[in-house]
Amino acid sequence: MRRWKNHRVQKRSPEGKFLMKFAVTSGIPVSLATVYNTLHQFTEAGLLRETVVEPRRSYFDTNTADHHHFFCAATGKLQDIPARQLSVSGLPLPPAGTKINRLDIVVRIRPGPEPNL
């Protein structure tokens, strides 16, 4: 992890392909399957949080606190939205025998003019 700190991976939400490329260019031979298996194990252990933005496209976030995201498909950029900046009302009751664990909201954006505030 020390090597990753120097490359600022800690404060980002990298994709598995980025991490594989980083490992290989660092002289660590690894398969994409191994990278994703490891990312999923870290997610299950609570060390990462997976955000699915499109089918077959996930980011693994080192910020495991409650928060949401802006996602721009044109640039591939995922940005945090602090949970306190978003309020949600009118959630349906969960099915019997279940409870809501977490709410993940991805706000999809695209490049364009700044809104007039």
Protein backbone atom coordinates (compact mmCIF):
# COMPACT_ATOMS: atom_id res chain seq x y z
CA MET A 1 0.00 0.00 0.00
CA ARG A 2 2.90 2.40 0.57
CA ARG A 3 3.67 2.44 -3.15
CA TRP A 4 0.01 3.22 -3.90
CA LYS A 5 0.04 6.16 -1.47
CA ASN A 6 2.77 7.75 -3.54
CA HIS A 7 0.53 7.49 -6.60
CA ARG A 8 -2.52 8.96 -4.83
CA VAL A 9 -4.67 5.85 -5.24
CA GLN A 10 -5.94 6.17 -1.66
CA LYS A 11 -8.16 9.16 -2.37
CA ARG A 12 -9.56 7.82 -5.62
CA SER A 13 -12.05 5.23 -6.71
CA PRO A 14 -10.04 3.16 -9.16
CA GLU A 15 -11.33 0.53 -11.53
CA GLY A 16 -9.79 -2.93 -11.51
CA LYS A 17 -8.20 -2.40 -14.93
CA PHE A 18 -6.36 0.68 -13.62
CA LEU A 19 -4.99 -1.30 -10.66
CA MET A 20 -3.91 -4.19 -12.88
CA LYS A 21 -2.06 -1.80 -15.21
CA PHE A 22 -0.45 -0.12 -12.20
CA ALA A 23 0.67 -3.48 -10.79
CA VAL A 24 2.07 -4.72 -14.10
CA THR A 25 3.96 -1.48 -14.79
CA SER A 26 5.35 -1.75 -11.26
CA GLY A 27 6.75 -5.19 -12.08
CA ILE A 28 4.04 -7.20 -10.32
CA PRO A 29 2.62 -9.80 -12.72
CA VAL A 30 -1.07 -10.26 -11.92
CA SER A 31 -4.21 -11.25 -13.79
CA LEU A 32 -7.33 -9.12 -14.01
CA ALA A 33 -9.30 -11.91 -12.30
CA THR A 34 -6.91 -11.82 -9.34
CA VAL A 35 -7.27 -8.04 -9.08
CA TYR A 36 -11.07 -8.23 -9.08
CA ASN A 37 -11.15 -11.16 -6.65
CA THR A 38 -8.95 -9.18 -4.28
CA LEU A 39 -11.05 -6.02 -4.66
CA HIS A 40 -14.21 -8.00 -3.87
CA GLN A 41 -12.56 -9.57 -0.81
CA PHE A 42 -11.55 -6.10 0.41
CA THR A 43 -15.13 -4.93 -0.19
CA GLU A 44 -16.55 -7.87 1.80
CA ALA A 45 -14.12 -7.05 4.62
CA GLY A 46 -15.34 -3.43 4.67
CA LEU A 47 -12.07 -1.94 3.43
CA LEU A 48 -13.52 -0.77 0.10
CA ARG A 49 -16.94 0.15 -1.21
CA GLU A 50 -18.00 -0.88 -4.70
CA THR A 51 -19.95 1.57 -6.84
CA VAL A 52 -21.47 0.09 -9.99
CA VAL A 53 -21.92 2.86 -12.58
CA GLU A 54 -22.76 0.76 -15.64
CA PRO A 55 -23.08 -2.93 -16.38
CA ARG A 56 -19.57 -4.39 -16.14
CA ARG A 57 -18.11 -1.12 -14.84
CA SER A 58 -17.41 -0.69 -11.15
CA TYR A 59 -15.23 1.62 -9.09
CA PHE A 60 -13.78 0.57 -5.76
CA ASP A 61 -13.83 3.42 -3.30
CA THR A 62 -11.50 3.77 -0.33
CA ASN A 63 -14.08 6.08 1.26
CA THR A 64 -16.41 3.65 3.02
CA ALA A 65 -18.39 6.36 4.87
CA ASP A 66 -21.93 7.15 3.75
CA HIS A 67 -21.78 9.26 0.60
CA HIS A 68 -23.02 9.36 -2.98
CA HIS A 69 -21.45 10.08 -6.37
CA PHE A 70 -21.49 12.15 -9.51
CA PHE A 71 -20.48 10.04 -12.53
CA CYS A 72 -19.56 11.39 -15.96
CA ALA A 73 -19.56 8.60 -18.57
CA ALA A 74 -17.81 10.87 -21.09
CA THR A 75 -14.76 11.29 -18.86
CA GLY A 76 -15.10 8.25 -16.60
CA LYS A 77 -14.76 10.54 -13.59
CA LEU A 78 -16.44 9.57 -10.32
CA GLN A 79 -16.75 12.33 -7.71
CA ASP A 80 -17.96 12.09 -4.14
CA ILE A 81 -21.10 13.82 -2.91
CA PRO A 82 -21.13 14.06 0.90
CA ALA A 83 -24.22 12.35 2.34
CA ARG A 84 -25.23 15.57 4.13
CA GLN A 85 -25.63 17.35 0.75
CA LEU A 86 -28.41 15.05 -0.38
CA SER A 87 -31.72 14.27 1.26
CA VAL A 88 -34.07 11.53 0.16
CA SER A 89 -37.70 11.23 1.14
CA GLY A 90 -40.45 8.83 0.25
CA LEU A 91 -38.46 5.61 0.36
CA PRO A 92 -40.73 2.57 0.13
CA LEU A 93 -40.87 0.13 2.99
CA PRO A 94 -38.51 -2.79 2.40
CA PRO A 95 -39.98 -6.26 1.88
CA ALA A 96 -41.01 -8.19 4.98
CA GLY A 97 -38.09 -9.61 6.90
CA THR A 98 -35.58 -7.13 5.47
CA LYS A 99 -34.25 -3.68 6.36
CA ILE A 100 -32.58 -0.96 4.32
CA ASN A 101 -28.83 -1.31 4.74
CA ARG A 102 -27.54 1.57 2.66
CA LEU A 103 -28.66 3.93 -0.07
CA ASP A 104 -26.27 4.50 -2.98
CA ILE A 105 -27.13 7.30 -5.36
CA VAL A 106 -25.19 7.91 -8.56
CA VAL A 107 -26.02 11.23 -10.23
CA ARG A 108 -25.08 10.96 -13.90
CA ILE A 109 -23.62 14.12 -15.39
CA ARG A 110 -22.15 15.15 -18.73
CA PRO A 111 -19.88 17.96 -19.86
CA GLY A 112 -21.79 21.13 -20.57
CA PRO A 113 -22.19 24.77 -19.61
CA GLU A 114 -22.19 25.71 -15.94
CA PRO A 115 -25.73 26.15 -14.58
CA ASN A 116 -26.83 29.69 -13.80
CA LEU A 117 -27.26 29.95 -10.07
